[in-house]
Amino acid sequence: MKNRFLIALTVLFIYSGQSFASSNIITDVKYAGTYGNGDIFIVLKAPIDEPGCAFTYSNYRIDIVATHTEAKNWLNIAMTSITNKNKVIVRTSGCYNGQPTLDNTKNSFFALDQIKL
């Protein structure tokens, strides 16, 4: 019994320090915009496999807090993707309001791809 407890504690310790993120997803942006409080939403055509999110609305949408330092840059990338018909490459890391989000680490990114629709 003691050995099982130690093994379980060791496994918990190993996984507690790891950061989980979605896969690298290449997709199109369906639409993007802002809420009244300034938070940003970006809706993709492919689902996001971010672990641990409740997917309050759908697993196709990224929500970004308005105060994030890169929020406006990511909204510009989304709008450029729609206007120029470019695909985007995205990897989310974490959840915000139950939706996948982009955090302040290198675990997440949002970029234009060279591939056209």
Protein backbone atom coordinates (compact mmCIF):
# COMPACT_ATOMS: atom_id res chain seq x y z
CA MET A 1 0.00 0.00 0.00
CA LYS A 2 2.84 2.37 0.87
CA ASN A 3 4.57 1.60 -2.44
CA ARG A 4 1.43 2.45 -4.41
CA PHE A 5 1.16 5.75 -2.60
CA LEU A 6 4.80 6.60 -3.35
CA ILE A 7 4.40 5.66 -7.02
CA ALA A 8 1.23 7.77 -7.32
CA LEU A 9 2.94 10.69 -5.60
CA THR A 10 5.96 10.41 -7.91
CA VAL A 11 3.78 10.34 -11.04
CA LEU A 12 1.80 13.35 -9.79
CA PHE A 13 5.02 15.24 -9.10
CA ILE A 14 6.45 14.50 -12.54
CA TYR A 15 3.33 15.63 -14.43
CA SER A 16 2.54 18.67 -12.28
CA GLY A 17 5.49 20.64 -13.63
CA GLN A 18 4.79 19.97 -17.28
CA SER A 19 3.06 22.46 -19.51
CA PHE A 20 0.42 21.10 -21.84
CA ALA A 21 -0.49 22.79 -25.10
CA SER A 22 -2.50 22.01 -28.19
CA SER A 23 -1.04 20.54 -31.35
CA ASN A 24 0.30 22.83 -34.06
CA ILE A 25 -2.80 23.52 -36.14
CA ILE A 26 -2.78 24.84 -39.71
CA THR A 27 -6.21 26.20 -40.58
CA ASP A 28 -8.27 29.11 -41.85
CA VAL A 29 -9.76 31.89 -39.74
CA LYS A 30 -13.56 32.02 -40.13
CA TYR A 31 -14.00 35.31 -38.28
CA ALA A 32 -12.50 37.34 -35.45
CA GLY A 33 -13.46 40.28 -33.29
CA THR A 34 -13.72 41.76 -29.82
CA TYR A 35 -16.22 41.65 -26.99
CA GLY A 36 -17.49 44.78 -25.27
CA ASN A 37 -14.89 44.35 -22.50
CA GLY A 38 -12.04 44.28 -25.05
CA ASP A 39 -11.38 40.54 -24.95
CA ILE A 40 -10.63 39.03 -28.36
CA PHE A 41 -12.12 35.97 -30.02
CA ILE A 42 -10.76 34.18 -33.07
CA VAL A 43 -12.84 31.41 -34.63
CA LEU A 44 -10.98 28.84 -36.71
CA LYS A 45 -12.20 26.27 -39.24
CA ALA A 46 -10.35 23.42 -37.50
CA PRO A 47 -10.89 22.24 -33.92
CA ILE A 48 -8.36 22.98 -31.19
CA ASP A 49 -7.24 20.04 -29.04
CA GLU A 50 -6.27 22.07 -25.96
CA PRO A 51 -6.38 19.72 -22.93
CA GLY A 52 -8.34 20.79 -19.88
CA CYS A 53 -10.61 23.40 -21.48
CA ALA A 54 -14.36 23.21 -20.88
CA PHE A 55 -15.06 24.50 -24.42
CA THR A 56 -17.80 26.81 -23.19
CA TYR A 57 -18.76 27.76 -26.76
CA SER A 58 -16.89 25.42 -29.09
CA ASN A 59 -13.45 23.90 -29.61
CA TYR A 60 -12.99 26.05 -32.73
CA ARG A 61 -12.65 29.34 -30.85
CA ILE A 62 -9.71 31.04 -29.12
CA ASP A 63 -10.43 33.65 -26.44
CA ILE A 64 -7.71 36.12 -25.47
CA VAL A 65 -7.77 38.48 -22.49
CA ALA A 66 -7.81 42.14 -23.54
CA THR A 67 -4.80 43.05 -21.42
CA HIS A 68 -2.47 40.53 -23.08
CA THR A 69 0.50 42.38 -24.59
CA GLU A 70 0.12 40.59 -27.94
CA ALA A 71 -3.69 40.73 -28.19
CA LYS A 72 -3.85 43.44 -30.87
CA ASN A 73 -1.06 41.79 -32.87
CA TRP A 74 -2.95 38.49 -32.90
CA LEU A 75 -6.17 40.24 -33.94
CA ASN A 76 -4.23 41.90 -36.79
CA ILE A 77 -2.87 38.51 -37.88
CA ALA A 78 -6.39 37.05 -37.86
CA MET A 79 -7.78 39.96 -39.90
CA THR A 80 -4.87 39.75 -42.35
CA SER A 81 -5.52 36.03 -42.75
CA ILE A 82 -9.16 36.68 -43.59
CA THR A 83 -8.40 39.57 -45.97
CA ASN A 84 -5.53 37.89 -47.83
CA LYS A 85 -6.98 34.37 -47.65
CA ASN A 86 -3.90 32.98 -45.87
CA LYS A 87 -3.96 30.05 -43.51
CA VAL A 88 -2.68 30.47 -39.95
CA ILE A 89 -0.55 28.25 -37.76
CA VAL A 90 -1.64 28.22 -34.13
CA ARG A 91 -0.77 26.46 -30.91
CA THR A 92 -2.73 27.38 -27.81
CA SER A 93 -1.58 26.96 -24.23
CA GLY A 94 -4.09 27.11 -21.44
CA CYS A 95 -7.72 28.12 -21.09
CA TYR A 96 -9.50 31.44 -20.59
CA ASN A 97 -13.24 31.47 -19.83
CA GLY A 98 -13.36 27.78 -20.74
CA GLN A 99 -11.85 28.37 -24.18
CA PRO A 100 -8.33 27.71 -25.49
CA THR A 101 -6.09 30.77 -25.22
CA LEU A 102 -2.63 32.06 -26.05
CA ASP A 103 -0.42 32.67 -23.02
CA ASN A 104 2.77 34.66 -22.33
CA THR A 105 5.14 31.75 -23.00
CA LYS A 106 6.73 30.20 -26.06
CA ASN A 107 4.30 27.29 -25.64
CA SER A 108 1.72 29.19 -27.69
CA PHE A 109 1.86 31.13 -30.96
CA PHE A 110 -0.33 32.51 -33.74
CA ALA A 111 1.23 33.18 -37.16
CA LEU A 112 0.40 33.59 -40.84
CA ASP A 113 1.20 30.63 -43.06
CA GLN A 114 2.44 30.95 -46.64
CA ILE A 115 -0.32 28.65 -47.86
CA LYS A 116 -3.26 30.38 -49.51
CA LEU A 117 -6.83 29.13 -49.22
